[in-house]
Amino acid sequence: MITHRLTYGVATGSAIGLAYYLTVTGQLVLDTGLGRRVRPLGPFDIQVAAPAEVVFDVIAAPYLDRTPRAMADKLRVLDRGSDMVLAEHYTPVHGGRITATTLETVTFERPHRVGFRLVRGPVPYVTEVFDLTEADGSTTLAYSGELGTDLGSLGTRWGDRVAEPWEAAVRSSFAQIRAEAERRAGAPAR
């Protein structure tokens, strides 16, 4: 009896662990639409001492031009058009032990907006926008979005776990975008 319970417990724990791994890595997508709840991502923004055209070019170049080798562990463009791409994004989680993989469409409205829409990932629904507003030669780079999960309160808890590293990845990208745009614009180092 104890052996049966132990075996059942190990099997259940293994199944949950496997489902977690497959979901985080984008290999298992739970998109039922049942009990869909949507929460905001962001908003937040940063100031960049560079014109909007320069900031936009820094954001768009890895997608619309050839992706630099230095970004190969973060981004892979699968299909490229003039104003839209289909790309995989890779984000290390759990101290780099697991790599979360998302498949997203990325649209470009030069020089004011870059939009992201999740196709496949750890949650069934995400839309995001990078808005660029220029004033006096500097640019406000603003982020906002929505993240949706299914299965009511269970999905909400999962969405909260996903949202924190998701927003942290965007904040990290924003810091890199600012540094490169300001370098290209010849702004003083921060």
N, C-alpha and C. Protein backbone atom coordinates (compact mmCIF):
# COMPACT_ATOMS: atom_id res chain seq x y z
N MET A 1 0.82 -1.20 0.00
CA MET A 1 0.00 0.00 0.00
C MET A 1 0.86 1.26 0.00
N ILE A 2 1.88 1.29 0.89
CA ILE A 2 2.76 2.44 0.96
C ILE A 2 3.55 2.57 -0.34
N THR A 3 4.01 1.43 -0.89
CA THR A 3 4.75 1.44 -2.15
C THR A 3 3.88 1.98 -3.27
N HIS A 4 2.60 1.60 -3.30
CA HIS A 4 1.68 2.09 -4.33
C HIS A 4 1.51 3.61 -4.23
N ARG A 5 1.33 4.12 -3.01
CA ARG A 5 1.18 5.57 -2.82
C ARG A 5 2.45 6.31 -3.20
N LEU A 6 3.59 5.75 -2.83
CA LEU A 6 4.87 6.37 -3.17
C LEU A 6 5.05 6.41 -4.69
N THR A 7 4.75 5.31 -5.35
CA THR A 7 4.86 5.25 -6.81
C THR A 7 3.92 6.26 -7.45
N TYR A 8 2.69 6.35 -6.94
CA TYR A 8 1.71 7.31 -7.46
C TYR A 8 2.21 8.74 -7.25
N GLY A 9 2.77 9.01 -6.08
CA GLY A 9 3.28 10.35 -5.77
C GLY A 9 4.44 10.74 -6.67
N VAL A 10 5.36 9.81 -6.89
CA VAL A 10 6.51 10.06 -7.76
C VAL A 10 6.02 10.29 -9.20
N ALA A 11 5.10 9.47 -9.65
CA ALA A 11 4.57 9.61 -11.01
C ALA A 11 3.86 10.95 -11.18
N THR A 12 3.06 11.33 -10.20
CA THR A 12 2.34 12.61 -10.26
C THR A 12 3.33 13.77 -10.27
N GLY A 13 4.31 13.71 -9.36
CA GLY A 13 5.32 14.77 -9.31
C GLY A 13 6.11 14.87 -10.61
N SER A 14 6.44 13.74 -11.19
CA SER A 14 7.17 13.72 -12.46
C SER A 14 6.32 14.32 -13.58
N ALA A 15 5.04 13.97 -13.62
CA ALA A 15 4.14 14.50 -14.65
C ALA A 15 4.00 16.02 -14.52
N ILE A 16 3.87 16.51 -13.29
CA ILE A 16 3.76 17.96 -13.06
C ILE A 16 5.06 18.65 -13.48
N GLY A 17 6.19 18.07 -13.11
CA GLY A 17 7.48 18.64 -13.49
C GLY A 17 7.66 18.68 -15.00
N LEU A 18 7.26 17.61 -15.67
CA LEU A 18 7.37 17.57 -17.13
C LEU A 18 6.44 18.60 -17.77
N ALA A 19 5.21 18.70 -17.28
CA ALA A 19 4.27 19.69 -17.81
C ALA A 19 4.82 21.12 -17.62
N TYR A 20 5.41 21.37 -16.45
CA TYR A 20 6.00 22.69 -16.18
C TYR A 20 7.12 22.97 -17.18
N TYR A 21 8.04 22.03 -17.34
CA TYR A 21 9.17 22.21 -18.26
C TYR A 21 8.68 22.44 -19.69
N LEU A 22 7.75 21.63 -20.16
CA LEU A 22 7.24 21.77 -21.52
C LEU A 22 6.51 23.09 -21.72
N THR A 23 5.80 23.56 -20.71
CA THR A 23 5.09 24.83 -20.80
C THR A 23 6.07 26.00 -20.85
N VAL A 24 7.04 26.02 -19.95
CA VAL A 24 8.02 27.11 -19.91
C VAL A 24 8.82 27.19 -21.20
N THR A 25 9.19 26.06 -21.75
CA THR A 25 10.01 26.05 -22.95
C THR A 25 9.19 26.23 -24.23
N GLY A 26 7.88 26.40 -24.09
CA GLY A 26 7.03 26.66 -25.25
C GLY A 26 6.67 25.43 -26.05
N GLN A 27 6.92 24.26 -25.51
CA GLN A 27 6.61 23.03 -26.23
C GLN A 27 5.21 22.52 -25.95
N LEU A 28 4.60 23.00 -24.87
CA LEU A 28 3.23 22.64 -24.52
C LEU A 28 2.45 23.93 -24.35
N VAL A 29 1.44 24.10 -25.17
CA VAL A 29 0.64 25.32 -25.12
C VAL A 29 -0.77 24.96 -24.66
N LEU A 30 -1.18 25.55 -23.54
CA LEU A 30 -2.53 25.34 -23.03
C LEU A 30 -3.37 26.56 -23.39
N ASP A 31 -4.11 26.45 -24.48
CA ASP A 31 -4.94 27.57 -24.96
C ASP A 31 -6.37 27.07 -25.12
N THR A 32 -7.08 27.00 -23.99
CA THR A 32 -8.46 26.50 -24.02
C THR A 32 -9.47 27.62 -24.18
N GLY A 33 -9.09 28.83 -23.76
CA GLY A 33 -10.03 29.95 -23.76
C GLY A 33 -10.98 29.91 -22.57
N LEU A 34 -10.93 28.84 -21.78
CA LEU A 34 -11.84 28.68 -20.65
C LEU A 34 -11.30 29.45 -19.44
N GLY A 35 -12.10 30.34 -18.90
CA GLY A 35 -11.69 31.12 -17.74
C GLY A 35 -10.57 32.07 -18.04
N ARG A 36 -10.54 32.61 -19.27
CA ARG A 36 -9.45 33.51 -19.68
C ARG A 36 -9.46 34.76 -18.83
N ARG A 37 -8.30 35.07 -18.29
CA ARG A 37 -8.09 36.30 -17.52
C ARG A 37 -6.89 37.02 -18.10
N VAL A 38 -7.02 38.33 -18.22
CA VAL A 38 -5.96 39.15 -18.81
C VAL A 38 -5.48 40.14 -17.78
N ARG A 39 -4.16 40.27 -17.67
CA ARG A 39 -3.55 41.22 -16.74
C ARG A 39 -2.60 42.12 -17.52
N PRO A 40 -2.36 43.33 -17.01
CA PRO A 40 -1.44 44.22 -17.72
C PRO A 40 0.01 43.80 -17.55
N LEU A 41 0.81 44.14 -18.53
CA LEU A 41 2.26 44.09 -18.44
C LEU A 41 2.72 45.54 -18.48
N GLY A 42 3.61 45.92 -17.56
CA GLY A 42 3.99 47.34 -17.49
C GLY A 42 2.83 48.11 -16.94
N PRO A 43 2.69 49.35 -17.29
CA PRO A 43 3.55 50.10 -18.19
C PRO A 43 4.77 50.65 -17.47
N PHE A 44 5.83 50.86 -18.25
CA PHE A 44 7.00 51.59 -17.76
C PHE A 44 7.69 52.20 -18.96
N ASP A 45 8.58 53.15 -18.69
CA ASP A 45 9.30 53.79 -19.79
C ASP A 45 10.68 54.21 -19.33
N ILE A 46 11.52 54.52 -20.31
CA ILE A 46 12.85 55.06 -20.05
C ILE A 46 13.08 56.24 -20.99
N GLN A 47 14.00 57.10 -20.60
CA GLN A 47 14.42 58.21 -21.45
C GLN A 47 15.71 57.82 -22.14
N VAL A 48 15.79 58.09 -23.44
CA VAL A 48 16.97 57.77 -24.23
C VAL A 48 17.47 59.05 -24.88
N ALA A 49 18.73 59.38 -24.67
CA ALA A 49 19.32 60.61 -25.23
C ALA A 49 19.73 60.36 -26.68
N ALA A 50 18.72 60.11 -27.51
CA ALA A 50 18.92 59.86 -28.94
C ALA A 50 17.60 60.09 -29.66
N PRO A 51 17.64 60.46 -30.94
CA PRO A 51 16.40 60.64 -31.71
C PRO A 51 15.63 59.32 -31.87
N ALA A 52 14.34 59.43 -32.07
CA ALA A 52 13.48 58.24 -32.21
C ALA A 52 13.93 57.34 -33.35
N GLU A 53 14.38 57.91 -34.46
CA GLU A 53 14.85 57.10 -35.60
C GLU A 53 16.00 56.19 -35.19
N VAL A 54 16.92 56.72 -34.39
CA VAL A 54 18.06 55.93 -33.94
C VAL A 54 17.60 54.82 -32.99
N VAL A 55 16.74 55.16 -32.05
CA VAL A 55 16.23 54.16 -31.11
C VAL A 55 15.47 53.07 -31.87
N PHE A 56 14.63 53.49 -32.80
CA PHE A 56 13.87 52.52 -33.60
C PHE A 56 14.82 51.59 -34.35
N ASP A 57 15.86 52.15 -34.97
CA ASP A 57 16.82 51.33 -35.72
C ASP A 57 17.51 50.31 -34.82
N VAL A 58 17.84 50.70 -33.59
CA VAL A 58 18.48 49.77 -32.65
C VAL A 58 17.53 48.61 -32.34
N ILE A 59 16.25 48.92 -32.14
CA ILE A 59 15.27 47.86 -31.84
C ILE A 59 15.04 46.97 -33.05
N ALA A 60 14.87 47.57 -34.23
CA ALA A 60 14.46 46.84 -35.42
C ALA A 60 15.59 46.06 -36.10
N ALA A 61 16.82 46.54 -36.00
CA ALA A 61 17.92 45.94 -36.76
C ALA A 61 18.07 44.43 -36.59
N PRO A 62 18.05 43.88 -35.37
CA PRO A 62 18.23 42.43 -35.26
C PRO A 62 17.11 41.62 -35.90
N TYR A 63 15.97 42.25 -36.08
CA TYR A 63 14.82 41.58 -36.70
C TYR A 63 14.80 41.76 -38.21
N LEU A 64 14.95 43.00 -38.67
CA LEU A 64 14.78 43.31 -40.09
C LEU A 64 16.06 43.11 -40.89
N ASP A 65 17.21 43.25 -40.25
CA ASP A 65 18.50 43.00 -40.90
C ASP A 65 18.98 41.63 -40.44
N ARG A 66 20.20 41.34 -40.71
CA ARG A 66 20.78 40.07 -40.25
C ARG A 66 20.96 40.13 -38.73
N THR A 67 20.52 39.09 -38.05
CA THR A 67 20.64 39.03 -36.59
C THR A 67 22.10 38.81 -36.23
N PRO A 68 22.67 39.68 -35.38
CA PRO A 68 24.08 39.50 -34.99
C PRO A 68 24.32 38.19 -34.25
N ARG A 69 25.50 37.62 -34.45
CA ARG A 69 25.85 36.38 -33.76
C ARG A 69 25.76 36.52 -32.25
N ALA A 70 26.07 37.72 -31.76
CA ALA A 70 26.03 37.96 -30.31
C ALA A 70 24.62 37.81 -29.74
N MET A 71 23.60 37.88 -30.61
CA MET A 71 22.21 37.74 -30.15
C MET A 71 21.63 36.36 -30.43
N ALA A 72 22.43 35.45 -30.96
CA ALA A 72 21.93 34.13 -31.35
C ALA A 72 21.33 33.35 -30.19
N ASP A 73 21.79 33.61 -28.97
CA ASP A 73 21.23 32.90 -27.82
C ASP A 73 19.97 33.58 -27.29
N LYS A 74 19.56 34.71 -27.91
CA LYS A 74 18.37 35.43 -27.48
C LYS A 74 17.28 35.50 -28.54
N LEU A 75 17.66 35.38 -29.81
CA LEU A 75 16.73 35.67 -30.89
C LEU A 75 17.06 34.86 -32.14
N ARG A 76 16.01 34.32 -32.76
CA ARG A 76 16.15 33.65 -34.06
C ARG A 76 14.97 34.05 -34.92
N VAL A 77 15.23 34.74 -36.02
CA VAL A 77 14.18 35.15 -36.94
C VAL A 77 13.90 34.00 -37.89
N LEU A 78 12.65 33.55 -37.91
CA LEU A 78 12.26 32.42 -38.75
C LEU A 78 11.75 32.87 -40.11
N ASP A 79 11.08 34.02 -40.14
CA ASP A 79 10.55 34.55 -41.40
C ASP A 79 10.61 36.06 -41.31
N ARG A 80 11.12 36.70 -42.37
CA ARG A 80 11.37 38.14 -42.33
C ARG A 80 10.67 38.80 -43.51
N GLY A 81 9.86 39.84 -43.21
CA GLY A 81 9.25 40.67 -44.24
C GLY A 81 9.74 42.10 -44.07
N SER A 82 9.14 43.03 -44.79
CA SER A 82 9.61 44.42 -44.71
C SER A 82 9.15 45.12 -43.44
N ASP A 83 7.98 44.74 -42.91
CA ASP A 83 7.49 45.40 -41.70
C ASP A 83 6.95 44.41 -40.65
N MET A 84 7.25 43.10 -40.84
CA MET A 84 6.83 42.10 -39.87
C MET A 84 7.76 40.89 -39.96
N VAL A 85 8.06 40.32 -38.79
CA VAL A 85 8.86 39.10 -38.73
C VAL A 85 8.18 38.09 -37.82
N LEU A 86 8.56 36.85 -37.98
CA LEU A 86 8.19 35.78 -37.06
C LEU A 86 9.50 35.35 -36.41
N ALA A 87 9.56 35.47 -35.08
CA ALA A 87 10.83 35.23 -34.40
C ALA A 87 10.66 34.44 -33.12
N GLU A 88 11.66 33.62 -32.82
CA GLU A 88 11.74 32.95 -31.54
C GLU A 88 12.61 33.80 -30.62
N HIS A 89 12.15 33.95 -29.39
CA HIS A 89 12.91 34.66 -28.36
C HIS A 89 13.27 33.64 -27.27
N TYR A 90 14.51 33.71 -26.78
CA TYR A 90 15.00 32.78 -25.77
C TYR A 90 15.36 33.57 -24.51
N THR A 91 14.80 33.16 -23.38
CA THR A 91 15.05 33.84 -22.11
C THR A 91 15.44 32.81 -21.06
N PRO A 92 16.65 32.92 -20.49
CA PRO A 92 17.02 31.99 -19.42
C PRO A 92 16.19 32.26 -18.17
N VAL A 93 15.72 31.19 -17.56
CA VAL A 93 14.98 31.28 -16.29
C VAL A 93 15.56 30.26 -15.33
N HIS A 94 15.20 30.39 -14.07
CA HIS A 94 15.71 29.49 -13.02
C HIS A 94 17.23 29.44 -13.03
N GLY A 95 17.83 30.65 -13.04
CA GLY A 95 19.28 30.73 -13.00
C GLY A 95 19.95 30.16 -14.23
N GLY A 96 19.24 30.16 -15.35
CA GLY A 96 19.81 29.65 -16.60
C GLY A 96 19.67 28.16 -16.79
N ARG A 97 19.03 27.48 -15.86
CA ARG A 97 18.85 26.02 -15.97
C ARG A 97 17.83 25.66 -17.05
N ILE A 98 16.89 26.57 -17.31
CA ILE A 98 15.86 26.35 -18.33
C ILE A 98 15.83 27.58 -19.22
N THR A 99 15.62 27.37 -20.50
CA THR A 99 15.47 28.49 -21.43
C THR A 99 14.01 28.54 -21.88
N ALA A 100 13.34 29.63 -21.51
CA ALA A 100 11.96 29.83 -21.97
C ALA A 100 12.02 30.25 -23.44
N THR A 101 11.17 29.64 -24.24
CA THR A 101 11.13 29.93 -25.67
C THR A 101 9.75 30.44 -26.04
N THR A 102 9.72 31.59 -26.71
CA THR A 102 8.45 32.11 -27.22
C THR A 102 8.58 32.29 -28.73
N LEU A 103 7.47 32.15 -29.41
CA LEU A 103 7.38 32.43 -30.84
C LEU A 103 6.44 33.62 -30.96
N GLU A 104 6.91 34.69 -31.61
CA GLU A 104 6.13 35.92 -31.67
C GLU A 104 6.19 36.55 -33.06
N THR A 105 5.11 37.22 -33.42
CA THR A 105 5.18 38.12 -34.57
C THR A 105 5.61 39.47 -34.03
N VAL A 106 6.44 40.15 -34.81
CA VAL A 106 6.92 41.48 -34.44
C VAL A 106 6.63 42.40 -35.62
N THR A 107 5.87 43.48 -35.36
CA THR A 107 5.52 44.42 -36.41
C THR A 107 6.21 45.76 -36.16
N PHE A 108 6.48 46.48 -37.25
CA PHE A 108 7.25 47.72 -37.18
C PHE A 108 6.52 48.86 -37.87
N GLU A 109 6.31 49.96 -37.15
CA GLU A 109 5.73 51.18 -37.70
C GLU A 109 6.76 52.29 -37.47
N ARG A 110 7.64 52.46 -38.44
CA ARG A 110 8.75 53.40 -38.34
C ARG A 110 8.26 54.81 -38.17
N PRO A 111 8.80 55.60 -37.29
CA PRO A 111 9.77 55.31 -36.22
C PRO A 111 9.12 55.31 -34.84
N HIS A 112 7.84 55.02 -34.76
CA HIS A 112 7.14 55.26 -33.50
C HIS A 112 6.64 54.03 -32.75
N ARG A 113 6.63 52.86 -33.37
CA ARG A 113 6.02 51.73 -32.67
C ARG A 113 6.58 50.39 -33.15
N VAL A 114 6.78 49.51 -32.17
CA VAL A 114 7.12 48.11 -32.45
C VAL A 114 6.12 47.29 -31.63
N GLY A 115 5.43 46.38 -32.30
CA GLY A 115 4.42 45.56 -31.63
C GLY A 115 4.81 44.09 -31.62
N PHE A 116 4.45 43.41 -30.55
CA PHE A 116 4.73 41.98 -30.39
C PHE A 116 3.43 41.26 -30.09
N ARG A 117 3.23 40.11 -30.74
CA ARG A 117 2.06 39.26 -30.45
C ARG A 117 2.54 37.82 -30.32
N LEU A 118 2.23 37.22 -29.19
CA LEU A 118 2.65 35.85 -28.92
C LEU A 118 1.90 34.87 -29.82
N VAL A 119 2.64 33.95 -30.42
CA VAL A 119 2.07 32.86 -31.20
C VAL A 119 2.10 31.58 -30.37
N ARG A 120 3.24 31.34 -29.70
CA ARG A 120 3.40 30.16 -28.86
C ARG A 120 4.32 30.49 -27.71
N GLY A 121 3.95 30.07 -26.51
CA GLY A 121 4.78 30.35 -25.35
C GLY A 121 4.18 29.78 -24.09
N PRO A 122 4.66 30.25 -22.94
CA PRO A 122 4.23 29.68 -21.66
C PRO A 122 2.82 30.08 -21.24
N VAL A 123 2.22 31.03 -21.93
CA VAL A 123 0.84 31.45 -21.70
C VAL A 123 0.16 31.55 -23.07
N PRO A 124 -1.16 31.52 -23.12
CA PRO A 124 -1.82 31.52 -24.43
C PRO A 124 -1.94 32.89 -25.10
N TYR A 125 -1.73 33.97 -24.37
CA TYR A 125 -1.99 35.28 -24.97
C TYR A 125 -1.06 36.34 -24.40
N VAL A 126 -0.34 37.03 -25.28
CA VAL A 126 0.44 38.21 -24.90
C VAL A 126 0.48 39.15 -26.09
N THR A 127 0.22 40.42 -25.83
CA THR A 127 0.49 41.49 -26.79
C THR A 127 1.32 42.53 -26.06
N GLU A 128 2.26 43.13 -26.79
CA GLU A 128 3.13 44.15 -26.20
C GLU A 128 3.39 45.23 -27.24
N VAL A 129 3.67 46.43 -26.75
CA VAL A 129 3.99 47.55 -27.61
C VAL A 129 5.15 48.33 -27.04
N PHE A 130 6.11 48.68 -27.90
CA PHE A 130 7.15 49.65 -27.58
C PHE A 130 6.75 50.91 -28.34
N ASP A 131 6.40 51.97 -27.61
CA ASP A 131 6.07 53.27 -28.23
C ASP A 131 7.24 54.21 -28.06
N LEU A 132 7.61 54.90 -29.14
CA LEU A 132 8.71 55.85 -29.11
C LEU A 132 8.15 57.25 -29.36
N THR A 133 8.45 58.18 -28.44
CA THR A 133 8.00 59.56 -28.57
C THR A 133 9.22 60.46 -28.44
N GLU A 134 9.46 61.25 -29.48
CA GLU A 134 10.64 62.13 -29.48
C GLU A 134 10.27 63.54 -29.09
N ALA A 135 11.13 64.16 -28.29
CA ALA A 135 10.99 65.57 -27.92
C ALA A 135 12.39 66.12 -27.65
N ASP A 136 12.72 67.20 -28.33
CA ASP A 136 14.00 67.88 -28.13
C ASP A 136 15.20 66.96 -28.30
N GLY A 137 15.15 66.07 -29.29
CA GLY A 137 16.29 65.21 -29.61
C GLY A 137 16.45 64.00 -28.72
N SER A 138 15.59 63.83 -27.72
CA SER A 138 15.64 62.60 -26.93
C SER A 138 14.32 61.86 -27.10
N THR A 139 14.31 60.62 -26.69
CA THR A 139 13.15 59.76 -26.94
C THR A 139 12.67 59.10 -25.66
N THR A 140 11.37 59.09 -25.47
CA THR A 140 10.76 58.27 -24.42
C THR A 140 10.41 56.94 -25.06
N LEU A 141 10.98 55.87 -24.52
CA LEU A 141 10.68 54.52 -24.97
C LEU A 141 9.76 53.91 -23.93
N ALA A 142 8.50 53.70 -24.31
CA ALA A 142 7.47 53.24 -23.37
C ALA A 142 7.05 51.81 -23.71
N TYR A 143 6.78 51.06 -22.66
CA TYR A 143 6.36 49.67 -22.79
C TYR A 143 5.01 49.47 -22.15
N SER A 144 4.13 48.72 -22.83
CA SER A 144 2.86 48.30 -22.24
C SER A 144 2.44 47.01 -22.94
N GLY A 145 1.57 46.27 -22.28
CA GLY A 145 1.11 45.03 -22.87
C GLY A 145 0.05 44.36 -22.02
N GLU A 146 -0.35 43.18 -22.48
CA GLU A 146 -1.32 42.35 -21.76
C GLU A 146 -0.86 40.91 -21.83
N LEU A 147 -1.11 40.19 -20.75
CA LEU A 147 -0.79 38.77 -20.67
C LEU A 147 -2.06 38.05 -20.24
N GLY A 148 -2.47 37.04 -21.01
CA GLY A 148 -3.69 36.31 -20.70
C GLY A 148 -3.41 34.85 -20.41
N THR A 149 -4.16 34.33 -19.43
CA THR A 149 -4.06 32.93 -19.06
C THR A 149 -5.46 32.33 -19.00
N ASP A 150 -5.53 31.04 -19.10
CA ASP A 150 -6.80 30.31 -19.01
C ASP A 150 -6.89 29.62 -17.65
N LEU A 151 -8.03 29.03 -17.38
CA LEU A 151 -8.30 28.22 -16.19
C LEU A 151 -8.45 29.04 -14.92
N GLY A 152 -9.02 30.23 -15.04
CA GLY A 152 -9.41 31.03 -13.88
C GLY A 152 -8.27 31.36 -12.94
N SER A 153 -8.50 31.12 -11.64
CA SER A 153 -7.52 31.54 -10.63
C SER A 153 -6.22 30.74 -10.72
N LEU A 154 -6.27 29.49 -11.15
CA LEU A 154 -5.05 28.71 -11.35
C LEU A 154 -4.19 29.37 -12.43
N GLY A 155 -4.81 29.75 -13.53
CA GLY A 155 -4.10 30.43 -14.60
C GLY A 155 -3.58 31.79 -14.18
N THR A 156 -4.35 32.49 -13.34
CA THR A 156 -3.91 33.80 -12.85
C THR A 156 -2.62 33.66 -12.07
N ARG A 157 -2.53 32.65 -11.22
CA ARG A 157 -1.29 32.43 -10.45
C ARG A 157 -0.12 32.13 -11.39
N TRP A 158 -0.38 31.32 -12.41
CA TRP A 158 0.66 31.02 -13.39
C TRP A 158 1.07 32.30 -14.12
N GLY A 159 0.11 33.11 -14.52
CA GLY A 159 0.40 34.36 -15.21
C GLY A 159 1.26 35.30 -14.37
N ASP A 160 1.00 35.34 -13.07
CA ASP A 160 1.81 36.16 -12.18
C ASP A 160 3.26 35.66 -12.14
N ARG A 161 3.44 34.35 -12.18
CA ARG A 161 4.81 33.78 -12.19
C ARG A 161 5.52 34.07 -13.50
N VAL A 162 4.77 34.10 -14.59
CA VAL A 162 5.36 34.36 -15.91
C VAL A 162 5.65 35.85 -16.09
N ALA A 163 4.77 36.71 -15.60
CA ALA A 163 4.88 38.15 -15.84
C ALA A 163 6.15 38.76 -15.27
N GLU A 164 6.56 38.32 -14.09
CA GLU A 164 7.74 38.94 -13.46
C GLU A 164 9.01 38.77 -14.30
N PRO A 165 9.39 37.54 -14.70
CA PRO A 165 10.59 37.44 -15.54
C PRO A 165 10.39 38.02 -16.94
N TRP A 166 9.14 38.03 -17.42
CA TRP A 166 8.84 38.60 -18.73
C TRP A 166 9.16 40.10 -18.71
N GLU A 167 8.64 40.80 -17.72
CA GLU A 167 8.91 42.24 -17.60
C GLU A 167 10.39 42.51 -17.31
N ALA A 168 11.03 41.65 -16.53
CA ALA A 168 12.46 41.81 -16.25
C ALA A 168 13.27 41.69 -17.55
N ALA A 169 12.88 40.79 -18.43
CA ALA A 169 13.58 40.65 -19.71
C ALA A 169 13.41 41.91 -20.56
N VAL A 170 12.21 42.50 -20.54
CA VAL A 170 11.99 43.74 -21.29
C VAL A 170 12.82 44.87 -20.69
N ARG A 171 12.85 44.99 -19.37
CA ARG A 171 13.66 46.04 -18.73
C ARG A 171 15.14 45.89 -19.10
N SER A 172 15.63 44.67 -19.11
CA SER A 172 17.02 44.42 -19.50
C SER A 172 17.25 44.83 -20.95
N SER A 173 16.31 44.49 -21.83
CA SER A 173 16.41 44.89 -23.24
C SER A 173 16.41 46.41 -23.38
N PHE A 174 15.56 47.07 -22.59
CA PHE A 174 15.51 48.54 -22.65
C PHE A 174 16.85 49.15 -22.26
N ALA A 175 17.50 48.60 -21.26
CA ALA A 175 18.81 49.13 -20.85
C ALA A 175 19.83 48.96 -21.98
N GLN A 176 19.79 47.82 -22.67
CA GLN A 176 20.71 47.58 -23.79
C GLN A 176 20.37 48.50 -24.96
N ILE A 177 19.07 48.69 -25.23
CA ILE A 177 18.64 49.58 -26.31
C ILE A 177 19.13 51.00 -26.03
N ARG A 178 18.93 51.47 -24.80
CA ARG A 178 19.36 52.82 -24.44
C ARG A 178 20.86 52.99 -24.64
N ALA A 179 21.65 52.04 -24.14
CA ALA A 179 23.10 52.14 -24.25
C ALA A 179 23.54 52.20 -25.71
N GLU A 180 22.99 51.34 -26.55
CA GLU A 180 23.39 51.32 -27.96
C GLU A 180 22.90 52.55 -28.70
N ALA A 181 21.67 52.97 -28.46
CA ALA A 181 21.14 54.18 -29.16
C ALA A 181 21.94 55.41 -28.76
N GLU A 182 22.25 55.54 -27.49
CA GLU A 182 23.03 56.70 -27.05
C GLU A 182 24.45 56.64 -27.58
N ARG A 183 25.02 55.44 -27.71
CA ARG A 183 26.35 55.31 -28.31
C ARG A 183 26.31 55.77 -29.76
N ARG A 184 25.30 55.33 -30.50
CA ARG A 184 25.19 55.70 -31.92
C ARG A 184 24.93 57.20 -32.07
N ALA A 185 24.19 57.77 -31.16
CA ALA A 185 23.87 59.20 -31.23
C ALA A 185 25.00 60.08 -30.69
N GLY A 186 26.02 59.46 -30.10
CA GLY A 186 27.12 60.23 -29.56
C GLY A 186 26.80 60.92 -28.25
N ALA A 187 25.83 60.39 -27.52
CA ALA A 187 25.45 60.98 -26.22
C ALA A 187 26.51 60.62 -25.19
N PRO A 188 26.68 61.47 -24.17
CA PRO A 188 27.61 61.15 -23.09
C PRO A 188 27.20 59.87 -22.37
N ALA A 189 28.18 59.09 -21.93
CA ALA A 189 27.90 57.84 -21.23
C ALA A 189 27.20 58.13 -19.91
N ARG A 190 26.30 57.22 -19.53
CA ARG A 190 25.59 57.35 -18.25
C ARG A 190 26.41 56.79 -17.13
